[in-house]
């Protein structure tokens, strides 16, 4: 198979595409809606990881919320299920609110 030059993976593309807060809000809302429809929380965790990478590094973000980088990655890899308070803390540090609409 011929190797393609100048290609990036989908995650990198999405991270680079999330430039504005409005883009990020739309992406997170879409991911949350998908979770509510299909119950795949792993996909939502992955969306949070992508948003964090668009705004910061995982290490820097983990430090800001008082969590180890390893623990944050274990959430993203679905090795640990976070408490609701952890999800709320992530949203708060990202600058977003959780609300019922």
PDB file of N, CA and C in Angstrom:
ATOM      1  N   UNK A   1       0.841  -1.177   0.000  1.00  0.00           N
ATOM      2  CA  UNK A   1       0.000   0.000   0.000  1.00  0.00           C
ATOM      3  C   UNK A   1       0.885   1.238   0.000  1.00  0.00           C
ATOM      4  N   UNK A   2       0.536   2.188  -0.797  1.00  0.00           N
ATOM      5  CA  UNK A   2       1.292   3.419  -0.918  1.00  0.00           C
ATOM      6  C   UNK A   2       1.020   4.310   0.297  1.00  0.00           C
ATOM      7  N   UNK A   3       2.098   4.833   0.889  1.00  0.00           N
ATOM      8  CA  UNK A   3       1.955   5.713   2.043  1.00  0.00           C
ATOM      9  C   UNK A   3       1.571   7.112   1.572  1.00  0.00           C
ATOM     10  N   UNK A   4       0.561   7.672   2.194  1.00  0.00           N
ATOM     11  CA  UNK A   4       0.103   9.008   1.833  1.00  0.00           C
ATOM     12  C   UNK A   4       0.899  10.054   2.594  1.00  0.00           C
ATOM     13  N   UNK A   5       1.354  11.039   1.884  1.00  0.00           N
ATOM     14  CA  UNK A   5       2.059  12.144   2.518  1.00  0.00           C
ATOM     15  C   UNK A   5       1.052  13.226   2.876  1.00  0.00           C
ATOM     16  N   UNK A   6       1.403  13.986   3.889  1.00  0.00           N
ATOM     17  CA  UNK A   6       0.592  15.135   4.300  1.00  0.00           C
ATOM     18  C   UNK A   6      -0.818  14.727   4.736  1.00  0.00           C
ATOM     19  N   UNK A   7      -0.927  13.638   5.451  1.00  0.00           N
ATOM     20  CA  UNK A   7      -2.227  13.238   5.987  1.00  0.00           C
ATOM     21  C   UNK A   7      -2.186  13.337   7.509  1.00  0.00           C
ATOM     22  N   UNK A   8      -3.358  13.541   8.107  1.00  0.00           N
ATOM     23  CA  UNK A   8      -3.471  13.553   9.557  1.00  0.00           C
ATOM     24  C   UNK A   8      -4.642  12.664   9.942  1.00  0.00           C
ATOM     25  N   UNK A   9      -4.628  12.193  11.182  1.00  0.00           N
ATOM     26  CA  UNK A   9      -5.734  11.349  11.612  1.00  0.00           C
ATOM     27  C   UNK A   9      -6.948  12.219  11.956  1.00  0.00           C
ATOM     28  N   UNK A  10      -8.085  11.584  12.076  1.00  0.00           N
ATOM     29  CA  UNK A  10      -9.342  12.300  12.301  1.00  0.00           C
ATOM     30  C   UNK A  10      -9.322  13.118  13.590  1.00  0.00           C
ATOM     31  N   UNK A  11      -8.778  12.535  14.661  1.00  0.00           N
ATOM     32  CA  UNK A  11      -8.740  13.258  15.934  1.00  0.00           C
ATOM     33  C   UNK A  11      -7.934  14.551  15.802  1.00  0.00           C
ATOM     34  N   UNK A  12      -6.786  14.475  15.171  1.00  0.00           N
ATOM     35  CA  UNK A  12      -5.955  15.671  14.977  1.00  0.00           C
ATOM     36  C   UNK A  12      -6.695  16.702  14.142  1.00  0.00           C
ATOM     37  N   UNK A  13      -7.404  16.240  13.145  1.00  0.00           N
ATOM     38  CA  UNK A  13      -8.190  17.146  12.297  1.00  0.00           C
ATOM     39  C   UNK A  13      -9.246  17.877  13.129  1.00  0.00           C
ATOM     40  N   UNK A  14      -9.960  17.132  13.967  1.00  0.00           N
ATOM     41  CA  UNK A  14     -11.010  17.742  14.788  1.00  0.00           C
ATOM     42  C   UNK A  14     -10.407  18.721  15.784  1.00  0.00           C
ATOM     43  N   UNK A  15      -9.313  18.316  16.442  1.00  0.00           N
ATOM     44  CA  UNK A  15      -8.646  19.207  17.397  1.00  0.00           C
ATOM     45  C   UNK A  15      -8.271  20.521  16.719  1.00  0.00           C
ATOM     46  N   UNK A  16      -7.712  20.427  15.538  1.00  0.00           N
ATOM     47  CA  UNK A  16      -7.297  21.626  14.805  1.00  0.00           C
ATOM     48  C   UNK A  16      -8.480  22.439  14.296  1.00  0.00           C
ATOM     49  N   UNK A  17      -9.621  21.797  14.094  1.00  0.00           N
ATOM     50  CA  UNK A  17     -10.807  22.462  13.564  1.00  0.00           C
ATOM     51  C   UNK A  17     -11.608  23.201  14.633  1.00  0.00           C
ATOM     52  N   UNK A  18     -11.447  22.811  15.890  1.00  0.00           N
ATOM     53  CA  UNK A  18     -12.192  23.437  16.982  1.00  0.00           C
ATOM     54  C   UNK A  18     -11.492  24.727  17.400  1.00  0.00           C
ATOM     55  N   UNK A  19     -11.777  25.776  16.694  1.00  0.00           N
ATOM     56  CA  UNK A  19     -11.067  27.035  16.903  1.00  0.00           C
ATOM     57  C   UNK A  19     -11.799  28.001  17.823  1.00  0.00           C
ATOM     58  N   UNK A  20     -13.103  28.026  17.765  1.00  0.00           N
ATOM     59  CA  UNK A  20     -13.858  28.993  18.572  1.00  0.00           C
ATOM     60  C   UNK A  20     -14.650  28.273  19.663  1.00  0.00           C
ATOM     61  N   UNK A  21     -15.036  29.061  20.669  1.00  0.00           N
ATOM     62  CA  UNK A  21     -15.885  28.502  21.725  1.00  0.00           C
ATOM     63  C   UNK A  21     -17.205  27.998  21.154  1.00  0.00           C
ATOM     64  N   UNK A  22     -17.723  28.679  20.147  1.00  0.00           N
ATOM     65  CA  UNK A  22     -18.982  28.257  19.525  1.00  0.00           C
ATOM     66  C   UNK A  22     -18.817  26.882  18.874  1.00  0.00           C
ATOM     67  N   UNK A  23     -17.696  26.668  18.171  1.00  0.00           N
ATOM     68  CA  UNK A  23     -17.421  25.361  17.562  1.00  0.00           C
ATOM     69  C   UNK A  23     -17.352  24.267  18.630  1.00  0.00           C
ATOM     70  N   UNK A  24     -16.670  24.585  19.724  1.00  0.00           N
ATOM     71  CA  UNK A  24     -16.510  23.614  20.808  1.00  0.00           C
ATOM     72  C   UNK A  24     -17.859  23.295  21.447  1.00  0.00           C
ATOM     73  N   UNK A  25     -18.671  24.323  21.689  1.00  0.00           N
ATOM     74  CA  UNK A  25     -20.005  24.096  22.273  1.00  0.00           C
ATOM     75  C   UNK A  25     -20.847  23.197  21.373  1.00  0.00           C
ATOM     76  N   UNK A  26     -20.835  23.474  20.083  1.00  0.00           N
ATOM     77  CA  UNK A  26     -21.599  22.643  19.142  1.00  0.00           C
ATOM     78  C   UNK A  26     -21.110  21.199  19.167  1.00  0.00           C
ATOM     79  N   UNK A  27     -19.813  21.024  19.191  1.00  0.00           N
ATOM     80  CA  UNK A  27     -19.225  19.678  19.219  1.00  0.00           C
ATOM     81  C   UNK A  27     -19.600  18.934  20.496  1.00  0.00           C
ATOM     82  N   UNK A  28     -19.478  19.606  21.653  1.00  0.00           N
ATOM     83  CA  UNK A  28     -19.833  18.957  22.919  1.00  0.00           C
ATOM     84  C   UNK A  28     -21.323  18.656  22.997  1.00  0.00           C
ATOM     85  N   UNK A  29     -22.158  19.593  22.560  1.00  0.00           N
ATOM     86  CA  UNK A  29     -23.601  19.353  22.575  1.00  0.00           C
ATOM     87  C   UNK A  29     -23.973  18.178  21.679  1.00  0.00           C
ATOM     88  N   UNK A  30     -23.351  18.093  20.525  1.00  0.00           N
ATOM     89  CA  UNK A  30     -23.604  16.988  19.612  1.00  0.00           C
ATOM     90  C   UNK A  30     -23.172  15.662  20.238  1.00  0.00           C
ATOM     91  N   UNK A  31     -22.013  15.669  20.884  1.00  0.00           N
ATOM     92  CA  UNK A  31     -21.517  14.451  21.542  1.00  0.00           C
ATOM     93  C   UNK A  31     -22.423  14.032  22.691  1.00  0.00           C
ATOM     94  N   UNK A  32     -22.912  15.007  23.442  1.00  0.00           N
ATOM     95  CA  UNK A  32     -23.815  14.699  24.548  1.00  0.00           C
ATOM     96  C   UNK A  32     -25.145  14.161  24.034  1.00  0.00           C
ATOM     97  N   UNK A  33     -25.658  14.754  22.961  1.00  0.00           N
ATOM     98  CA  UNK A  33     -26.900  14.249  22.351  1.00  0.00           C
ATOM     99  C   UNK A  33     -26.719  12.805  21.876  1.00  0.00           C
ATOM    100  N   UNK A  34     -25.588  12.542  21.233  1.00  0.00           N
ATOM    101  CA  UNK A  34     -25.305  11.177  20.775  1.00  0.00           C
ATOM    102  C   UNK A  34     -25.307  10.209  21.950  1.00  0.00           C
ATOM    103  N   UNK A  35     -24.680  10.622  23.066  1.00  0.00           N
ATOM    104  CA  UNK A  35     -24.658   9.763  24.251  1.00  0.00           C
ATOM    105  C   UNK A  35     -26.074   9.480  24.744  1.00  0.00           C
ATOM    106  N   UNK A  36     -26.908  10.504  24.787  1.00  0.00           N
ATOM    107  CA  UNK A  36     -28.273  10.318  25.275  1.00  0.00           C
ATOM    108  C   UNK A  36     -29.077   9.399  24.361  1.00  0.00           C
ATOM    109  N   UNK A  37     -28.735   9.383  23.075  1.00  0.00           N
ATOM    110  CA  UNK A  37     -29.435   8.519  22.122  1.00  0.00           C
ATOM    111  C   UNK A  37     -28.911   7.091  22.112  1.00  0.00           C
ATOM    112  N   UNK A  38     -27.576   6.940  22.166  1.00  0.00           N
ATOM    113  CA  UNK A  38     -27.017   5.584  22.015  1.00  0.00           C
ATOM    114  C   UNK A  38     -26.405   5.003  23.290  1.00  0.00           C
ATOM    115  N   UNK A  39     -26.271   5.819  24.339  1.00  0.00           N
ATOM    116  CA  UNK A  39     -25.740   5.328  25.603  1.00  0.00           C
ATOM    117  C   UNK A  39     -24.244   5.064  25.596  1.00  0.00           C
ATOM    118  N   UNK A  40     -23.534   5.510  24.558  1.00  0.00           N
ATOM    119  CA  UNK A  40     -22.091   5.277  24.462  1.00  0.00           C
ATOM    120  C   UNK A  40     -21.342   6.418  25.141  1.00  0.00           C
ATOM    121  N   UNK A  41     -21.142   6.254  26.457  1.00  0.00           N
ATOM    122  CA  UNK A  41     -20.469   7.299  27.211  1.00  0.00           C
ATOM    123  C   UNK A  41     -19.004   7.405  26.817  1.00  0.00           C
ATOM    124  N   UNK A  42     -18.410   6.309  26.327  1.00  0.00           N
ATOM    125  CA  UNK A  42     -17.012   6.325  25.896  1.00  0.00           C
ATOM    126  C   UNK A  42     -16.798   7.364  24.800  1.00  0.00           C
ATOM    127  N   UNK A  43     -17.729   7.475  23.909  1.00  0.00           N
ATOM    128  CA  UNK A  43     -17.647   8.448  22.834  1.00  0.00           C
ATOM    129  C   UNK A  43     -17.682   9.866  23.404  1.00  0.00           C
ATOM    130  N   UNK A  44     -18.508  10.084  24.419  1.00  0.00           N
ATOM    131  CA  UNK A  44     -18.567  11.400  25.047  1.00  0.00           C
ATOM    132  C   UNK A  44     -17.261  11.721  25.766  1.00  0.00           C
ATOM    133  N   UNK A  45     -16.687  10.741  26.474  1.00  0.00           N
ATOM    134  CA  UNK A  45     -15.387  10.942  27.124  1.00  0.00           C
ATOM    135  C   UNK A  45     -14.343  11.342  26.086  1.00  0.00           C
ATOM    136  N   UNK A  46     -14.370  10.675  24.944  1.00  0.00           N
ATOM    137  CA  UNK A  46     -13.407  10.972  23.889  1.00  0.00           C
ATOM    138  C   UNK A  46     -13.596  12.401  23.362  1.00  0.00           C
ATOM    139  N   UNK A  47     -14.831  12.832  23.268  1.00  0.00           N
ATOM    140  CA  UNK A  47     -15.110  14.202  22.834  1.00  0.00           C
ATOM    141  C   UNK A  47     -14.535  15.203  23.837  1.00  0.00           C
ATOM    142  N   UNK A  48     -14.658  14.917  25.122  1.00  0.00           N
ATOM    143  CA  UNK A  48     -14.065  15.789  26.139  1.00  0.00           C
ATOM    144  C   UNK A  48     -12.543  15.851  25.975  1.00  0.00           C
ATOM    145  N   UNK A  49     -11.941  14.709  25.711  1.00  0.00           N
ATOM    146  CA  UNK A  49     -10.493  14.664  25.504  1.00  0.00           C
ATOM    147  C   UNK A  49     -10.091  15.547  24.316  1.00  0.00           C
ATOM    148  N   UNK A  50     -10.820  15.446  23.243  1.00  0.00           N
ATOM    149  CA  UNK A  50     -10.528  16.238  22.046  1.00  0.00           C
ATOM    150  C   UNK A  50     -10.670  17.735  22.338  1.00  0.00           C
ATOM    151  N   UNK A  51     -11.702  18.107  23.065  1.00  0.00           N
ATOM    152  CA  UNK A  51     -11.915  19.519  23.407  1.00  0.00           C
ATOM    153  C   UNK A  51     -10.780  20.027  24.290  1.00  0.00           C
ATOM    154  N   UNK A  52     -10.386  19.228  25.267  1.00  0.00           N
ATOM    155  CA  UNK A  52      -9.277  19.634  26.133  1.00  0.00           C
ATOM    156  C   UNK A  52      -8.014  19.828  25.310  1.00  0.00           C
ATOM    157  N   UNK A  53      -7.754  18.929  24.369  1.00  0.00           N
ATOM    158  CA  UNK A  53      -6.569  19.061  23.511  1.00  0.00           C
ATOM    159  C   UNK A  53      -6.661  20.295  22.616  1.00  0.00           C
ATOM    160  N   UNK A  54      -7.869  20.694  22.263  1.00  0.00           N
ATOM    161  CA  UNK A  54      -8.038  21.892  21.440  1.00  0.00           C
ATOM    162  C   UNK A  54      -7.748  23.160  22.236  1.00  0.00           C
ATOM    163  N   UNK A  55      -7.938  23.095  23.554  1.00  0.00           N
ATOM    164  CA  UNK A  55      -7.764  24.279  24.397  1.00  0.00           C
ATOM    165  C   UNK A  55      -6.461  24.286  25.185  1.00  0.00           C
ATOM    166  N   UNK A  56      -5.876  23.115  25.428  1.00  0.00           N
ATOM    167  CA  UNK A  56      -4.751  23.001  26.354  1.00  0.00           C
ATOM    168  C   UNK A  56      -4.059  21.671  26.099  1.00  0.00           C
ATOM    169  N   UNK A  57      -3.098  21.342  26.942  1.00  0.00           N
ATOM    170  CA  UNK A  57      -2.538  19.993  26.931  1.00  0.00           C
ATOM    171  C   UNK A  57      -3.256  19.193  28.010  1.00  0.00           C
ATOM    172  N   UNK A  58      -3.235  17.893  27.888  1.00  0.00           N
ATOM    173  CA  UNK A  58      -3.869  17.052  28.910  1.00  0.00           C
ATOM    174  C   UNK A  58      -3.177  17.272  30.255  1.00  0.00           C
ATOM    175  N   UNK A  59      -1.858  17.321  30.253  1.00  0.00           N
ATOM    176  CA  UNK A  59      -1.106  17.526  31.503  1.00  0.00           C
ATOM    177  C   UNK A  59      -1.448  18.864  32.144  1.00  0.00           C
ATOM    178  N   UNK A  60      -1.448  19.919  31.344  1.00  0.00           N
ATOM    179  CA  UNK A  60      -1.760  21.247  31.869  1.00  0.00           C
ATOM    180  C   UNK A  60      -3.179  21.324  32.398  1.00  0.00           C
ATOM    181  N   UNK A  61      -4.103  20.723  31.676  1.00  0.00           N
ATOM    182  CA  UNK A  61      -5.497  20.743  32.089  1.00  0.00           C
ATOM    183  C   UNK A  61      -5.687  19.948  33.384  1.00  0.00           C
ATOM    184  N   UNK A  62      -5.068  18.785  33.459  1.00  0.00           N
ATOM    185  CA  UNK A  62      -5.179  17.956  34.663  1.00  0.00           C
ATOM    186  C   UNK A  62      -4.678  18.713  35.881  1.00  0.00           C
ATOM    187  N   UNK A  63      -3.584  19.413  35.721  1.00  0.00           N
ATOM    188  CA  UNK A  63      -3.036  20.199  36.818  1.00  0.00           C
ATOM    189  C   UNK A  63      -4.014  21.294  37.241  1.00  0.00           C
ATOM    190  N   UNK A  64      -4.657  21.947  36.284  1.00  0.00           N
ATOM    191  CA  UNK A  64      -5.606  23.015  36.593  1.00  0.00           C
ATOM    192  C   UNK A  64      -6.799  22.522  37.397  1.00  0.00           C
ATOM    193  N   UNK A  65      -7.226  21.273  37.157  1.00  0.00           N
ATOM    194  CA  UNK A  65      -8.398  20.769  37.886  1.00  0.00           C
ATOM    195  C   UNK A  65      -8.004  19.911  39.090  1.00  0.00           C
ATOM    196  N   UNK A  66      -6.696  19.849  39.377  1.00  0.00           N
ATOM    197  CA  UNK A  66      -6.235  19.122  40.557  1.00  0.00           C
ATOM    198  C   UNK A  66      -6.340  17.615  40.416  1.00  0.00           C
ATOM    199  N   UNK A  67      -6.071  17.130  39.233  1.00  0.00           N
ATOM    200  CA  UNK A  67      -6.163  15.699  38.955  1.00  0.00           C
ATOM    201  C   UNK A  67      -4.870  15.262  38.271  1.00  0.00           C
ATOM    202  N   UNK A  68      -4.503  14.028  38.459  1.00  0.00           N
ATOM    203  CA  UNK A  68      -3.301  13.556  37.778  1.00  0.00           C
ATOM    204  C   UNK A  68      -3.611  13.318  36.307  1.00  0.00           C
ATOM    205  N   UNK A  69      -2.610  13.499  35.498  1.00  0.00           N
ATOM    206  CA  UNK A  69      -2.729  13.252  34.058  1.00  0.00           C
ATOM    207  C   UNK A  69      -3.136  11.803  33.808  1.00  0.00           C
ATOM    208  N   UNK A  70      -2.568  10.900  34.589  1.00  0.00           N
ATOM    209  CA  UNK A  70      -2.865   9.475  34.460  1.00  0.00           C
ATOM    210  C   UNK A  70      -4.334   9.192  34.733  1.00  0.00           C
ATOM    211  N   UNK A  71      -4.872   9.825  35.780  1.00  0.00           N
ATOM    212  CA  UNK A  71      -6.289   9.621  36.113  1.00  0.00           C
ATOM    213  C   UNK A  71      -7.190  10.154  34.996  1.00  0.00           C
ATOM    214  N   UNK A  72      -6.845  11.318  34.468  1.00  0.00           N
ATOM    215  CA  UNK A  72      -7.639  11.897  33.381  1.00  0.00           C
ATOM    216  C   UNK A  72      -7.609  10.982  32.153  1.00  0.00           C
ATOM    217  N   UNK A  73      -6.437  10.465  31.813  1.00  0.00           N
ATOM    218  CA  UNK A  73      -6.347   9.546  30.678  1.00  0.00           C
ATOM    219  C   UNK A  73      -7.133   8.259  30.935  1.00  0.00           C
ATOM    220  N   UNK A  74      -7.153   7.796  32.184  1.00  0.00           N
ATOM    221  CA  UNK A  74      -7.902   6.568  32.483  1.00  0.00           C
ATOM    222  C   UNK A  74      -9.400   6.786  32.276  1.00  0.00           C
ATOM    223  N   UNK A  75      -9.868   8.007  32.466  1.00  0.00           N
ATOM    224  CA  UNK A  75     -11.272   8.332  32.178  1.00  0.00           C
ATOM    225  C   UNK A  75     -11.495   8.293  30.670  1.00  0.00           C
ATOM    226  N   UNK A  76     -10.589   8.939  29.918  1.00  0.00           N
ATOM    227  CA  UNK A  76     -10.738   8.993  28.471  1.00  0.00           C
ATOM    228  C   UNK A  76     -10.655   7.620  27.820  1.00  0.00           C
ATOM    229  N   UNK A  77      -9.909   6.705  28.440  1.00  0.00           N
ATOM    230  CA  UNK A  77      -9.774   5.344  27.904  1.00  0.00           C
ATOM    231  C   UNK A  77     -10.850   4.416  28.459  1.00  0.00           C
ATOM    232  N   UNK A  78     -11.781   4.982  29.226  1.00  0.00           N
ATOM    233  CA  UNK A  78     -12.890   4.226  29.832  1.00  0.00           C
ATOM    234  C   UNK A  78     -12.410   3.158  30.806  1.00  0.00           C
ATOM    235  N   UNK A  79     -11.256   3.376  31.396  1.00  0.00           N
ATOM    236  CA  UNK A  79     -10.762   2.463  32.424  1.00  0.00           C
ATOM    237  C   UNK A  79     -11.386   2.799  33.775  1.00  0.00           C
ATOM    238  N   UNK A  80     -11.764   4.063  33.936  1.00  0.00           N
ATOM    239  CA  UNK A  80     -12.438   4.519  35.150  1.00  0.00           C
ATOM    240  C   UNK A  80     -13.629   5.364  34.742  1.00  0.00           C
ATOM    241  N   UNK A  81     -14.699   5.241  35.492  1.00  0.00           N
ATOM    242  CA  UNK A  81     -15.879   6.071  35.231  1.00  0.00           C
ATOM    243  C   UNK A  81     -15.853   7.233  36.211  1.00  0.00           C
ATOM    244  N   UNK A  82     -15.885   8.454  35.682  1.00  0.00           N
ATOM    245  CA  UNK A  82     -15.769   9.610  36.578  1.00  0.00           C
ATOM    246  C   UNK A  82     -17.056   9.866  37.355  1.00  0.00           C
ATOM    247  N   UNK A  83     -16.881  10.516  38.482  1.00  0.00           N
ATOM    248  CA  UNK A  83     -18.032  10.996  39.234  1.00  0.00           C
ATOM    249  C   UNK A  83     -18.627  12.176  38.464  1.00  0.00           C
ATOM    250  N   UNK A  84     -19.876  12.457  38.727  1.00  0.00           N
ATOM    251  CA  UNK A  84     -20.512  13.614  38.096  1.00  0.00           C
ATOM    252  C   UNK A  84     -19.758  14.891  38.451  1.00  0.00           C
ATOM    253  N   UNK A  85     -19.257  14.965  39.677  1.00  0.00           N
ATOM    254  CA  UNK A  85     -18.523  16.159  40.100  1.00  0.00           C
ATOM    255  C   UNK A  85     -17.263  16.361  39.259  1.00  0.00           C
ATOM    256  N   UNK A  86     -16.655  15.279  38.788  1.00  0.00           N
ATOM    257  CA  UNK A  86     -15.477  15.381  37.928  1.00  0.00           C
ATOM    258  C   UNK A  86     -15.852  15.940  36.572  1.00  0.00           C
ATOM    259  N   UNK A  87     -16.956  15.457  36.000  1.00  0.00           N
ATOM    260  CA  UNK A  87     -17.425  15.978  34.714  1.00  0.00           C
ATOM    261  C   UNK A  87     -17.762  17.463  34.858  1.00  0.00           C
ATOM    262  N   UNK A  88     -18.435  17.828  35.970  1.00  0.00           N
ATOM    263  CA  UNK A  88     -18.780  19.234  36.203  1.00  0.00           C
ATOM    264  C   UNK A  88     -17.516  20.080  36.321  1.00  0.00           C
ATOM    265  N   UNK A  89     -16.503  19.569  37.000  1.00  0.00           N
ATOM    266  CA  UNK A  89     -15.241  20.295  37.153  1.00  0.00           C
ATOM    267  C   UNK A  89     -14.553  20.489  35.803  1.00  0.00           C
ATOM    268  N   UNK A  90     -14.599  19.475  34.954  1.00  0.00           N
ATOM    269  CA  UNK A  90     -14.017  19.570  33.612  1.00  0.00           C
ATOM    270  C   UNK A  90     -14.736  20.662  32.819  1.00  0.00           C
ATOM    271  N   UNK A  91     -16.055  20.627  32.837  1.00  0.00           N
ATOM    272  CA  UNK A  91     -16.831  21.649  32.117  1.00  0.00           C
ATOM    273  C   UNK A  91     -16.537  23.045  32.660  1.00  0.00           C
ATOM    274  N   UNK A  92     -16.466  23.170  33.965  1.00  0.00           N
ATOM    275  CA  UNK A  92     -16.207  24.468  34.574  1.00  0.00           C
ATOM    276  C   UNK A  92     -14.845  25.002  34.141  1.00  0.00           C
ATOM    277  N   UNK A  93     -13.822  24.164  34.164  1.00  0.00           N
ATOM    278  CA  UNK A  93     -12.488  24.610  33.759  1.00  0.00           C
ATOM    279  C   UNK A  93     -12.437  24.945  32.272  1.00  0.00           C
ATOM    280  N   UNK A  94     -13.232  24.243  31.471  1.00  0.00           N
ATOM    281  CA  UNK A  94     -13.309  24.562  30.043  1.00  0.00           C
ATOM    282  C   UNK A  94     -14.036  25.884  29.800  1.00  0.00           C
ATOM    283  N   UNK A  95     -14.768  26.341  30.836  1.00  0.00           N
ATOM    284  CA  UNK A  95     -15.492  27.608  30.708  1.00  0.00           C
ATOM    285  C   UNK A  95     -16.937  27.439  30.284  1.00  0.00           C
ATOM    286  N   UNK A  96     -17.483  26.218  30.459  1.00  0.00           N
ATOM    287  CA  UNK A  96     -18.860  25.944  30.063  1.00  0.00           C
ATOM    288  C   UNK A  96     -19.676  25.521  31.272  1.00  0.00           C
ATOM    289  N   UNK A  97     -20.985  25.662  31.148  1.00  0.00           N
ATOM    290  CA  UNK A  97     -21.903  25.279  32.199  1.00  0.00           C
ATOM    291  C   UNK A  97     -22.738  24.095  31.744  1.00  0.00           C
ATOM    292  N   UNK A  98     -23.114  23.279  32.705  1.00  0.00           N
ATOM    293  CA  UNK A  98     -24.089  22.223  32.436  1.00  0.00           C
ATOM    294  C   UNK A  98     -25.438  22.750  32.876  1.00  0.00           C
ATOM    295  N   UNK A  99     -26.412  22.644  32.013  1.00  0.00           N
ATOM    296  CA  UNK A  99     -27.745  23.108  32.386  1.00  0.00           C
ATOM    297  C   UNK A  99     -28.793  22.247  31.710  1.00  0.00           C
ATOM    298  N   UNK A 100     -29.955  22.242  32.311  1.00  0.00           N
ATOM    299  CA  UNK A 100     -31.076  21.511  31.743  1.00  0.00           C
ATOM    300  C   UNK A 100     -31.860  22.488  30.874  1.00  0.00           C
ATOM    301  N   UNK A 101     -32.089  22.086  29.641  1.00  0.00           N
ATOM    302  CA  UNK A 101     -32.804  22.990  28.715  1.00  0.00           C
ATOM    303  C   UNK A 101     -34.171  22.439  28.374  1.00  0.00           C
TER     304      UNK A 101
END
